[in-house]
Amino acid sequence: VFAPAMGSAVVGRKVPCVVVLNFSPGLTAAARLFVQAPGALPKWINHGYSAAERKEVYDIGGLLAVSSVILQRDLLTGNLHPSKIDGIVVWDAHRLDETRPETFIVR
């Protein structure tokens, strides 16, 4: 999902914030075989980051692989405002149903 109104006009942030959901570490390792450009692979945001650290990473932007549980929590607590998200990529989106957190996030 990409939408210009979702935040690409945010002043002061030069790098779009694109969130990748359901992208496993194994997929990242496989992608390294094909991708040569630095920064083209997603940065992993996991439980090892504090809420403040995640907020900093979101503010910087880039291609971010975030667990759906963490992203859902950050959206609900205001740690990440939806207007800062320029795009969402959902890996294996065809497997989602109404009970998955990814469905909430995309809505």
PDB file of N, CA and C in Angstrom:
ATOM      1  N   VAL A   1       0.861  -1.163   0.000  1.00  0.00           N
ATOM      2  CA  VAL A   1       0.000   0.000   0.000  1.00  0.00           C
ATOM      3  C   VAL A   1       0.904   1.221   0.000  1.00  0.00           C
ATOM      4  N   PHE A   2       0.791   2.049  -1.002  1.00  0.00           N
ATOM      5  CA  PHE A   2       1.530   3.298  -1.062  1.00  0.00           C
ATOM      6  C   PHE A   2       0.542   4.417  -1.295  1.00  0.00           C
ATOM      7  N   ALA A   3       0.632   5.462  -0.510  1.00  0.00           N
ATOM      8  CA  ALA A   3      -0.296   6.579  -0.672  1.00  0.00           C
ATOM      9  C   ALA A   3       0.423   7.873  -0.355  1.00  0.00           C
ATOM     10  N   PRO A   4       0.452   8.836  -1.298  1.00  0.00           N
ATOM     11  CA  PRO A   4       1.138  10.092  -1.054  1.00  0.00           C
ATOM     12  C   PRO A   4       0.615  10.822   0.171  1.00  0.00           C
ATOM     13  N   ALA A   5      -0.639  10.696   0.474  1.00  0.00           N
ATOM     14  CA  ALA A   5      -1.210  11.405   1.612  1.00  0.00           C
ATOM     15  C   ALA A   5      -0.834  10.768   2.943  1.00  0.00           C
ATOM     16  N   MET A   6      -0.180   9.603   2.914  1.00  0.00           N
ATOM     17  CA  MET A   6       0.150   8.907   4.156  1.00  0.00           C
ATOM     18  C   MET A   6       1.359   9.508   4.859  1.00  0.00           C
ATOM     19  N   GLY A   7       2.049  10.466   4.255  1.00  0.00           N
ATOM     20  CA  GLY A   7       3.154  11.058   4.990  1.00  0.00           C
ATOM     21  C   GLY A   7       4.342  11.461   4.156  1.00  0.00           C
ATOM     22  N   SER A   8       4.314  11.301   2.852  1.00  0.00           N
ATOM     23  CA  SER A   8       5.493  11.624   2.057  1.00  0.00           C
ATOM     24  C   SER A   8       5.779  13.121   2.025  1.00  0.00           C
ATOM     25  N   ALA A   9       4.824  13.933   2.452  1.00  0.00           N
ATOM     26  CA  ALA A   9       5.033  15.375   2.459  1.00  0.00           C
ATOM     27  C   ALA A   9       5.471  15.884   3.825  1.00  0.00           C
ATOM     28  N   VAL A  10       5.846  14.986   4.737  1.00  0.00           N
ATOM     29  CA  VAL A  10       6.268  15.399   6.063  1.00  0.00           C
ATOM     30  C   VAL A  10       7.542  16.231   5.942  1.00  0.00           C
ATOM     31  N   VAL A  11       7.512  17.415   6.503  1.00  0.00           N
ATOM     32  CA  VAL A  11       8.639  18.342   6.404  1.00  0.00           C
ATOM     33  C   VAL A  11       9.795  17.853   7.271  1.00  0.00           C
ATOM     34  N   GLY A  12      10.992  17.942   6.745  1.00  0.00           N
ATOM     35  CA  GLY A  12      12.185  17.609   7.504  1.00  0.00           C
ATOM     36  C   GLY A  12      12.628  16.156   7.395  1.00  0.00           C
ATOM     37  N   ARG A  13      11.830  15.288   6.856  1.00  0.00           N
ATOM     38  CA  ARG A  13      12.223  13.888   6.704  1.00  0.00           C
ATOM     39  C   ARG A  13      12.457  13.637   5.231  1.00  0.00           C
ATOM     40  N   LYS A  14      13.698  13.284   4.895  1.00  0.00           N
ATOM     41  CA  LYS A  14      14.061  13.116   3.494  1.00  0.00           C
ATOM     42  C   LYS A  14      13.859  11.688   2.995  1.00  0.00           C
ATOM     43  N   VAL A  15      13.930  10.724   3.893  1.00  0.00           N
ATOM     44  CA  VAL A  15      13.844   9.322   3.505  1.00  0.00           C
ATOM     45  C   VAL A  15      12.440   8.805   3.825  1.00  0.00           C
ATOM     46  N   PRO A  16      11.738   8.244   2.836  1.00  0.00           N
ATOM     47  CA  PRO A  16      10.408   7.689   3.119  1.00  0.00           C
ATOM     48  C   PRO A  16      10.488   6.548   4.125  1.00  0.00           C
ATOM     49  N   CYS A  17       9.450   6.395   4.911  1.00  0.00           N
ATOM     50  CA  CYS A  17       9.349   5.300   5.874  1.00  0.00           C
ATOM     51  C   CYS A  17       8.447   4.234   5.264  1.00  0.00           C
ATOM     52  N   VAL A  18       9.049   3.117   4.888  1.00  0.00           N
ATOM     53  CA  VAL A  18       8.299   2.010   4.295  1.00  0.00           C
ATOM     54  C   VAL A  18       8.444   0.813   5.227  1.00  0.00           C
ATOM     55  N   VAL A  19       7.308   0.291   5.665  1.00  0.00           N
ATOM     56  CA  VAL A  19       7.279  -0.813   6.614  1.00  0.00           C
ATOM     57  C   VAL A  19       7.056  -2.114   5.857  1.00  0.00           C
ATOM     58  N   VAL A  20       7.865  -3.128   6.178  1.00  0.00           N
ATOM     59  CA  VAL A  20       7.720  -4.458   5.589  1.00  0.00           C
ATOM     60  C   VAL A  20       7.262  -5.405   6.692  1.00  0.00           C
ATOM     61  N   LEU A  21       6.125  -6.044   6.468  1.00  0.00           N
ATOM     62  CA  LEU A  21       5.580  -6.994   7.446  1.00  0.00           C
ATOM     63  C   LEU A  21       5.749  -8.420   6.936  1.00  0.00           C
ATOM     64  N   ASN A  22       5.958  -9.347   7.859  1.00  0.00           N
ATOM     65  CA  ASN A  22       6.088 -10.786   7.563  1.00  0.00           C
ATOM     66  C   ASN A  22       7.335 -11.119   6.751  1.00  0.00           C
ATOM     67  N   PHE A  23       8.364 -10.310   6.843  1.00  0.00           N
ATOM     68  CA  PHE A  23       9.607 -10.564   6.114  1.00  0.00           C
ATOM     69  C   PHE A  23      10.574 -11.208   7.091  1.00  0.00           C
ATOM     70  N   SER A  24      10.866 -12.467   6.906  1.00  0.00           N
ATOM     71  CA  SER A  24      11.662 -13.223   7.868  1.00  0.00           C
ATOM     72  C   SER A  24      13.159 -12.976   7.687  1.00  0.00           C
ATOM     73  N   PRO A  25      13.936 -13.273   8.723  1.00  0.00           N
ATOM     74  CA  PRO A  25      15.395 -13.168   8.590  1.00  0.00           C
ATOM     75  C   PRO A  25      15.931 -14.058   7.458  1.00  0.00           C
ATOM     76  N   GLY A  26      15.305 -15.194   7.236  1.00  0.00           N
ATOM     77  CA  GLY A  26      15.722 -16.079   6.140  1.00  0.00           C
ATOM     78  C   GLY A  26      15.547 -15.427   4.783  1.00  0.00           C
ATOM     79  N   LEU A  27      14.463 -14.683   4.610  1.00  0.00           N
ATOM     80  CA  LEU A  27      14.238 -13.959   3.358  1.00  0.00           C
ATOM     81  C   LEU A  27      15.277 -12.861   3.168  1.00  0.00           C
ATOM     82  N   THR A  28      15.646 -12.214   4.255  1.00  0.00           N
ATOM     83  CA  THR A  28      16.668 -11.169   4.170  1.00  0.00           C
ATOM     84  C   THR A  28      17.995 -11.773   3.725  1.00  0.00           C
ATOM     85  N   ALA A  29      18.352 -12.914   4.295  1.00  0.00           N
ATOM     86  CA  ALA A  29      19.596 -13.577   3.912  1.00  0.00           C
ATOM     87  C   ALA A  29      19.573 -13.951   2.437  1.00  0.00           C
ATOM     88  N   ALA A  30      18.443 -14.457   1.966  1.00  0.00           N
ATOM     89  CA  ALA A  30      18.324 -14.819   0.552  1.00  0.00           C
ATOM     90  C   ALA A  30      18.386 -13.569  -0.328  1.00  0.00           C
ATOM     91  N   ALA A  31      17.767 -12.491   0.109  1.00  0.00           N
ATOM     92  CA  ALA A  31      17.759 -11.255  -0.679  1.00  0.00           C
ATOM     93  C   ALA A  31      19.162 -10.665  -0.815  1.00  0.00           C
ATOM     94  N   ARG A  32      20.019 -10.883   0.185  1.00  0.00           N
ATOM     95  CA  ARG A  32      21.401 -10.368   0.124  1.00  0.00           C
ATOM     96  C   ARG A  32      22.158 -10.938  -1.082  1.00  0.00           C
ATOM     97  N   LEU A  33      21.760 -12.108  -1.538  1.00  0.00           N
ATOM     98  CA  LEU A  33      22.411 -12.720  -2.687  1.00  0.00           C
ATOM     99  C   LEU A  33      22.119 -11.942  -3.974  1.00  0.00           C
ATOM    100  N   PHE A  34      20.984 -11.227  -4.000  1.00  0.00           N
ATOM    101  CA  PHE A  34      20.550 -10.562  -5.224  1.00  0.00           C
ATOM    102  C   PHE A  34      20.637  -9.041  -5.169  1.00  0.00           C
ATOM    103  N   VAL A  35      20.664  -8.477  -3.979  1.00  0.00           N
ATOM    104  CA  VAL A  35      20.624  -7.018  -3.834  1.00  0.00           C
ATOM    105  C   VAL A  35      22.021  -6.513  -3.505  1.00  0.00           C
ATOM    106  N   GLN A  36      22.504  -5.585  -4.300  1.00  0.00           N
ATOM    107  CA  GLN A  36      23.840  -5.039  -4.092  1.00  0.00           C
ATOM    108  C   GLN A  36      23.825  -3.643  -3.481  1.00  0.00           C
ATOM    109  N   ALA A  37      22.729  -2.917  -3.634  1.00  0.00           N
ATOM    110  CA  ALA A  37      22.678  -1.524  -3.169  1.00  0.00           C
ATOM    111  C   ALA A  37      22.591  -1.471  -1.646  1.00  0.00           C
ATOM    112  N   PRO A  38      23.472  -0.679  -1.019  1.00  0.00           N
ATOM    113  CA  PRO A  38      23.379  -0.531   0.432  1.00  0.00           C
ATOM    114  C   PRO A  38      22.073   0.155   0.802  1.00  0.00           C
ATOM    115  N   GLY A  39      21.463  -0.277   1.867  1.00  0.00           N
ATOM    116  CA  GLY A  39      20.201   0.308   2.297  1.00  0.00           C
ATOM    117  C   GLY A  39      18.982  -0.253   1.592  1.00  0.00           C
ATOM    118  N   ALA A  40      19.185  -1.142   0.624  1.00  0.00           N
ATOM    119  CA  ALA A  40      18.051  -1.707  -0.107  1.00  0.00           C
ATOM    120  C   ALA A  40      17.372  -2.823   0.676  1.00  0.00           C
ATOM    121  N   LEU A  41      18.092  -3.432   1.593  1.00  0.00           N
ATOM    122  CA  LEU A  41      17.501  -4.469   2.428  1.00  0.00           C
ATOM    123  C   LEU A  41      16.878  -3.824   3.659  1.00  0.00           C
ATOM    124  N   PRO A  42      15.806  -4.404   4.169  1.00  0.00           N
ATOM    125  CA  PRO A  42      15.151  -3.779   5.323  1.00  0.00           C
ATOM    126  C   PRO A  42      15.987  -3.844   6.591  1.00  0.00           C
ATOM    127  N   LYS A  43      15.856  -2.803   7.391  1.00  0.00           N
ATOM    128  CA  LYS A  43      16.464  -2.793   8.718  1.00  0.00           C
ATOM    129  C   LYS A  43      15.490  -3.501   9.651  1.00  0.00           C
ATOM    130  N   TRP A  44      15.999  -4.422  10.459  1.00  0.00           N
ATOM    131  CA  TRP A  44      15.152  -5.205  11.349  1.00  0.00           C
ATOM    132  C   TRP A  44      14.854  -4.453  12.629  1.00  0.00           C
ATOM    133  N   ILE A  45      13.581  -4.307  12.952  1.00  0.00           N
ATOM    134  CA  ILE A  45      13.144  -3.701  14.202  1.00  0.00           C
ATOM    135  C   ILE A  45      12.453  -4.814  14.987  1.00  0.00           C
ATOM    136  N   ASN A  46      13.059  -5.189  16.129  1.00  0.00           N
ATOM    137  CA  ASN A  46      12.495  -6.292  16.903  1.00  0.00           C
ATOM    138  C   ASN A  46      12.385  -5.909  18.373  1.00  0.00           C
ATOM    139  N   HIS A  47      12.116  -6.882  19.223  1.00  0.00           N
ATOM    140  CA  HIS A  47      11.911  -6.635  20.649  1.00  0.00           C
ATOM    141  C   HIS A  47      13.159  -6.111  21.354  1.00  0.00           C
ATOM    142  N   GLY A  48      14.300  -6.172  20.705  1.00  0.00           N
ATOM    143  CA  GLY A  48      15.529  -5.662  21.299  1.00  0.00           C
ATOM    144  C   GLY A  48      15.609  -4.139  21.318  1.00  0.00           C
ATOM    145  N   TYR A  49      14.723  -3.482  20.580  1.00  0.00           N
ATOM    146  CA  TYR A  49      14.686  -2.023  20.552  1.00  0.00           C
ATOM    147  C   TYR A  49      13.688  -1.517  21.594  1.00  0.00           C
ATOM    148  N   SER A  50      14.080  -0.491  22.339  1.00  0.00           N
ATOM    149  CA  SER A  50      13.119   0.148  23.246  1.00  0.00           C
ATOM    150  C   SER A  50      12.147   0.981  22.420  1.00  0.00           C
ATOM    151  N   ALA A  51      11.066   1.414  23.044  1.00  0.00           N
ATOM    152  CA  ALA A  51      10.088   2.249  22.335  1.00  0.00           C
ATOM    153  C   ALA A  51      10.745   3.532  21.837  1.00  0.00           C
ATOM    154  N   ALA A  52      11.624   4.120  22.638  1.00  0.00           N
ATOM    155  CA  ALA A  52      12.311   5.354  22.235  1.00  0.00           C
ATOM    156  C   ALA A  52      13.233   5.107  21.041  1.00  0.00           C
ATOM    157  N   GLU A  53      13.932   3.968  21.044  1.00  0.00           N
ATOM    158  CA  GLU A  53      14.811   3.626  19.918  1.00  0.00           C
ATOM    159  C   GLU A  53      14.001   3.390  18.652  1.00  0.00           C
ATOM    160  N   ARG A  54      12.870   2.711  18.780  1.00  0.00           N
ATOM    161  CA  ARG A  54      12.013   2.485  17.606  1.00  0.00           C
ATOM    162  C   ARG A  54      11.502   3.805  17.050  1.00  0.00           C
ATOM    163  N   LYS A  55      11.117   4.714  17.922  1.00  0.00           N
ATOM    164  CA  LYS A  55      10.633   6.022  17.473  1.00  0.00           C
ATOM    165  C   LYS A  55      11.708   6.745  16.673  1.00  0.00           C
ATOM    166  N   GLU A  56      12.948   6.685  17.138  1.00  0.00           N
ATOM    167  CA  GLU A  56      14.070   7.300  16.409  1.00  0.00           C
ATOM    168  C   GLU A  56      14.221   6.687  15.021  1.00  0.00           C
ATOM    169  N   VAL A  57      14.143   5.367  14.947  1.00  0.00           N
ATOM    170  CA  VAL A  57      14.289   4.676  13.665  1.00  0.00           C
ATOM    171  C   VAL A  57      13.143   5.057  12.730  1.00  0.00           C
ATOM    172  N   TYR A  58      11.921   5.100  13.246  1.00  0.00           N
ATOM    173  CA  TYR A  58      10.770   5.509  12.430  1.00  0.00           C
ATOM    174  C   TYR A  58      10.963   6.925  11.903  1.00  0.00           C
ATOM    175  N   ASP A  59      11.472   7.821  12.759  1.00  0.00           N
ATOM    176  CA  ASP A  59      11.664   9.210  12.355  1.00  0.00           C
ATOM    177  C   ASP A  59      12.716   9.352  11.259  1.00  0.00           C
ATOM    178  N   ILE A  60      13.734   8.497  11.301  1.00  0.00           N
ATOM    179  CA  ILE A  60      14.776   8.523  10.264  1.00  0.00           C
ATOM    180  C   ILE A  60      14.209   8.010   8.944  1.00  0.00           C
ATOM    181  N   GLY A  61      13.361   6.989   9.023  1.00  0.00           N
ATOM    182  CA  GLY A  61      12.756   6.420   7.822  1.00  0.00           C
ATOM    183  C   GLY A  61      13.596   5.306   7.239  1.00  0.00           C
ATOM    184  N   GLY A  62      13.283   4.926   6.031  1.00  0.00           N
ATOM    185  CA  GLY A  62      13.971   3.841   5.356  1.00  0.00           C
ATOM    186  C   GLY A  62      13.061   2.637   5.201  1.00  0.00           C
ATOM    187  N   LEU A  63      13.639   1.544   4.775  1.00  0.00           N
ATOM    188  CA  LEU A  63      12.919   0.287   4.603  1.00  0.00           C
ATOM    189  C   LEU A  63      13.053  -0.488   5.910  1.00  0.00           C
ATOM    190  N   LEU A  64      11.937  -0.675   6.624  1.00  0.00           N
ATOM    191  CA  LEU A  64      11.966  -1.232   7.969  1.00  0.00           C
ATOM    192  C   LEU A  64      11.148  -2.508   8.054  1.00  0.00           C
ATOM    193  N   ALA A  65      11.786  -3.599   8.434  1.00  0.00           N
ATOM    194  CA  ALA A  65      11.088  -4.859   8.689  1.00  0.00           C
ATOM    195  C   ALA A  65      10.730  -4.871  10.169  1.00  0.00           C
ATOM    196  N   VAL A  66       9.438  -4.789  10.455  1.00  0.00           N
ATOM    197  CA  VAL A  66       8.952  -4.696  11.825  1.00  0.00           C
ATOM    198  C   VAL A  66       7.980  -5.838  12.066  1.00  0.00           C
ATOM    199  N   SER A  67       8.061  -6.437  13.254  1.00  0.00           N
ATOM    200  CA  SER A  67       7.064  -7.467  13.564  1.00  0.00           C
ATOM    201  C   SER A  67       5.705  -6.791  13.671  1.00  0.00           C
ATOM    202  N   SER A  68       4.677  -7.494  13.255  1.00  0.00           N
ATOM    203  CA  SER A  68       3.338  -6.909  13.254  1.00  0.00           C
ATOM    204  C   SER A  68       2.871  -6.582  14.668  1.00  0.00           C
ATOM    205  N   VAL A  69       3.281  -7.361  15.657  1.00  0.00           N
ATOM    206  CA  VAL A  69       2.886  -7.093  17.040  1.00  0.00           C
ATOM    207  C   VAL A  69       3.509  -5.786  17.523  1.00  0.00           C
ATOM    208  N   ILE A  70       4.785  -5.576  17.250  1.00  0.00           N
ATOM    209  CA  ILE A  70       5.458  -4.343  17.650  1.00  0.00           C
ATOM    210  C   ILE A  70       4.865  -3.153  16.915  1.00  0.00           C
ATOM    211  N   LEU A  71       4.644  -3.278  15.625  1.00  0.00           N
ATOM    212  CA  LEU A  71       4.092  -2.167  14.858  1.00  0.00           C
ATOM    213  C   LEU A  71       2.681  -1.826  15.340  1.00  0.00           C
ATOM    214  N   GLN A  72       1.873  -2.831  15.597  1.00  0.00           N
ATOM    215  CA  GLN A  72       0.527  -2.588  16.092  1.00  0.00           C
ATOM    216  C   GLN A  72       0.581  -1.845  17.430  1.00  0.00           C
ATOM    217  N   ARG A  73       1.462  -2.272  18.333  1.00  0.00           N
ATOM    218  CA  ARG A  73       1.605  -1.604  19.629  1.00  0.00           C
ATOM    219  C   ARG A  73       2.050  -0.158  19.444  1.00  0.00           C
ATOM    220  N   ASP A  74       3.027   0.072  18.555  1.00  0.00           N
ATOM    221  CA  ASP A  74       3.523   1.430  18.348  1.00  0.00           C
ATOM    222  C   ASP A  74       2.458   2.342  17.740  1.00  0.00           C
ATOM    223  N   LEU A  75       1.612   1.802  16.873  1.00  0.00           N
ATOM    224  CA  LEU A  75       0.520   2.598  16.308  1.00  0.00           C
ATOM    225  C   LEU A  75      -0.527   2.930  17.373  1.00  0.00           C
ATOM    226  N   LEU A  76      -0.855   1.951  18.206  1.00  0.00           N
ATOM    227  CA  LEU A  76      -1.886   2.163  19.220  1.00  0.00           C
ATOM    228  C   LEU A  76      -1.428   3.080  20.355  1.00  0.00           C
ATOM    229  N   THR A  77      -0.139   3.057  20.676  1.00  0.00           N
ATOM    230  CA  THR A  77       0.366   3.887  21.773  1.00  0.00           C
ATOM    231  C   THR A  77       0.818   5.265  21.311  1.00  0.00           C
ATOM    232  N   GLY A  78       0.822   5.505  20.003  1.00  0.00           N
ATOM    233  CA  GLY A  78       1.249   6.803  19.489  1.00  0.00           C
ATOM    234  C   GLY A  78       2.747   6.925  19.280  1.00  0.00           C
ATOM    235  N   ASN A  79       3.475   5.830  19.466  1.00  0.00           N
ATOM    236  CA  ASN A  79       4.918   5.854  19.225  1.00  0.00           C
ATOM    237  C   ASN A  79       5.218   6.062  17.734  1.00  0.00           C
ATOM    238  N   LEU A  80       4.310   5.645  16.883  1.00  0.00           N
ATOM    239  CA  LEU A  80       4.411   5.876  15.440  1.00  0.00           C
ATOM    240  C   LEU A  80       3.055   6.376  14.957  1.00  0.00           C
ATOM    241  N   HIS A  81       3.037   7.577  14.436  1.00  0.00           N
ATOM    242  CA  HIS A  81       1.792   8.112  13.886  1.00  0.00           C
ATOM    243  C   HIS A  81       1.633   7.590  12.464  1.00  0.00           C
ATOM    244  N   PRO A  82       0.427   7.168  12.085  1.00  0.00           N
ATOM    245  CA  PRO A  82       0.215   6.624  10.732  1.00  0.00           C
ATOM    246  C   PRO A  82       0.647   7.573   9.614  1.00  0.00           C
ATOM    247  N   SER A  83       0.619   8.875   9.855  1.00  0.00           N
ATOM    248  CA  SER A  83       1.010   9.829   8.812  1.00  0.00           C
ATOM    249  C   SER A  83       2.498   9.755   8.476  1.00  0.00           C
ATOM    250  N   LYS A  84       3.287   9.120   9.336  1.00  0.00           N
ATOM    251  CA  LYS A  84       4.724   8.977   9.068  1.00  0.00           C
ATOM    252  C   LYS A  84       5.041   7.772   8.195  1.00  0.00           C
ATOM    253  N   ILE A  85       4.045   6.932   7.931  1.00  0.00           N
ATOM    254  CA  ILE A  85       4.250   5.744   7.105  1.00  0.00           C
ATOM    255  C   ILE A  85       3.942   6.095   5.655  1.00  0.00           C
ATOM    256  N   ASP A  86       4.951   5.961   4.796  1.00  0.00           N
ATOM    257  CA  ASP A  86       4.780   6.259   3.380  1.00  0.00           C
ATOM    258  C   ASP A  86       4.352   5.043   2.577  1.00  0.00           C
ATOM    259  N   GLY A  87       4.618   3.848   3.087  1.00  0.00           N
ATOM    260  CA  GLY A  87       4.237   2.645   2.372  1.00  0.00           C
ATOM    261  C   GLY A  87       4.285   1.435   3.280  1.00  0.00           C
ATOM    262  N   ILE A  88       3.489   0.431   2.932  1.00  0.00           N
ATOM    263  CA  ILE A  88       3.463  -0.828   3.677  1.00  0.00           C
ATOM    264  C   ILE A  88       3.555  -1.964   2.663  1.00  0.00           C
ATOM    265  N   VAL A  89       4.505  -2.858   2.896  1.00  0.00           N
ATOM    266  CA  VAL A  89       4.648  -4.055   2.071  1.00  0.00           C
ATOM    267  C   VAL A  89       4.328  -5.240   2.974  1.00  0.00           C
ATOM    268  N   VAL A  90       3.373  -6.049   2.562  1.00  0.00           N
ATOM    269  CA  VAL A  90       2.995  -7.228   3.356  1.00  0.00           C
ATOM    270  C   VAL A  90       3.406  -8.474   2.583  1.00  0.00           C
ATOM    271  N   TRP A  91       4.421  -9.136   3.098  1.00  0.00           N
ATOM    272  CA  TRP A  91       4.891 -10.379   2.491  1.00  0.00           C
ATOM    273  C   TRP A  91       3.867 -11.469   2.785  1.00  0.00           C
ATOM    274  N   ASP A  92       3.546 -12.298   1.822  1.00  0.00           N
ATOM    275  CA  ASP A  92       2.554 -13.371   1.959  1.00  0.00           C
ATOM    276  C   ASP A  92       1.180 -12.824   2.361  1.00  0.00           C
ATOM    277  N   ALA A  93       0.801 -11.699   1.787  1.00  0.00           N
ATOM    278  CA  ALA A  93      -0.483 -11.061   2.128  1.00  0.00           C
ATOM    279  C   ALA A  93      -1.672 -11.978   1.840  1.00  0.00           C
ATOM    280  N   HIS A  94      -1.525 -12.884   0.907  1.00  0.00           N
ATOM    281  CA  HIS A  94      -2.625 -13.784   0.570  1.00  0.00           C
ATOM    282  C   HIS A  94      -2.975 -14.735   1.710  1.00  0.00           C
ATOM    283  N   ARG A  95      -2.115 -14.828   2.710  1.00  0.00           N
ATOM    284  CA  ARG A  95      -2.379 -15.724   3.844  1.00  0.00           C
ATOM    285  C   ARG A  95      -3.108 -15.027   5.001  1.00  0.00           C
ATOM    286  N   LEU A  96      -3.334 -13.735   4.890  1.00  0.00           N
ATOM    287  CA  LEU A  96      -3.948 -12.986   5.988  1.00  0.00           C
ATOM    288  C   LEU A  96      -5.447 -13.217   6.057  1.00  0.00           C
ATOM    289  N   ASP A  97      -5.978 -13.078   7.278  1.00  0.00           N
ATOM    290  CA  ASP A  97      -7.423 -13.089   7.473  1.00  0.00           C
ATOM    291  C   ASP A  97      -7.766 -11.986   8.479  1.00  0.00           C
ATOM    292  N   GLU A  98      -9.008 -11.884   8.835  1.00  0.00           N
ATOM    293  CA  GLU A  98      -9.486 -10.796   9.703  1.00  0.00           C
ATOM    294  C   GLU A  98      -8.887 -10.820  11.100  1.00  0.00           C
ATOM    295  N   THR A  99      -8.348 -11.950  11.543  1.00  0.00           N
ATOM    296  CA  THR A  99      -7.840 -12.059  12.912  1.00  0.00           C
ATOM    297  C   THR A  99      -6.377 -11.662  13.043  1.00  0.00           C
ATOM    298  N   ARG A 100      -5.704 -11.422  11.938  1.00  0.00           N
ATOM    299  CA  ARG A 100      -4.260 -11.131  11.970  1.00  0.00           C
ATOM    300  C   ARG A 100      -3.993  -9.665  12.273  1.00  0.00           C
ATOM    301  N   PRO A 101      -2.924  -9.361  13.023  1.00  0.00           N
ATOM    302  CA  PRO A 101      -2.596  -7.962  13.310  1.00  0.00           C
ATOM    303  C   PRO A 101      -2.258  -7.156  12.046  1.00  0.00           C
ATOM    304  N   GLU A 102      -1.767  -7.832  11.018  1.00  0.00           N
ATOM    305  CA  GLU A 102      -1.436  -7.141   9.778  1.00  0.00           C
ATOM    306  C   GLU A 102      -2.684  -6.508   9.146  1.00  0.00           C
ATOM    307  N   THR A 103      -3.822  -7.182   9.315  1.00  0.00           N
ATOM    308  CA  THR A 103      -5.077  -6.648   8.767  1.00  0.00           C
ATOM    309  C   THR A 103      -5.427  -5.338   9.472  1.00  0.00           C
ATOM    310  N   PHE A 104      -5.255  -5.287  10.770  1.00  0.00           N
ATOM    311  CA  PHE A 104      -5.487  -4.052  11.520  1.00  0.00           C
ATOM    312  C   PHE A 104      -4.539  -2.959  11.039  1.00  0.00           C
ATOM    313  N   ILE A 105      -3.273  -3.290  10.892  1.00  0.00           N
ATOM    314  CA  ILE A 105      -2.258  -2.311  10.512  1.00  0.00           C
ATOM    315  C   ILE A 105      -2.558  -1.699   9.152  1.00  0.00           C
ATOM    316  N   VAL A 106      -2.913  -2.517   8.194  1.00  0.00           N
ATOM    317  CA  VAL A 106      -3.158  -2.016   6.835  1.00  0.00           C
ATOM    318  C   VAL A 106      -4.401  -1.132   6.805  1.00  0.00           C
ATOM    319  N   ARG A 107      -5.380  -1.444   7.630  1.00  0.00           N
ATOM    320  CA  ARG A 107      -6.579  -0.613   7.667  1.00  0.00           C
ATOM    321  C   ARG A 107      -6.249   0.730   8.241  1.00  0.00           C
TER     322      ARG A 107
END
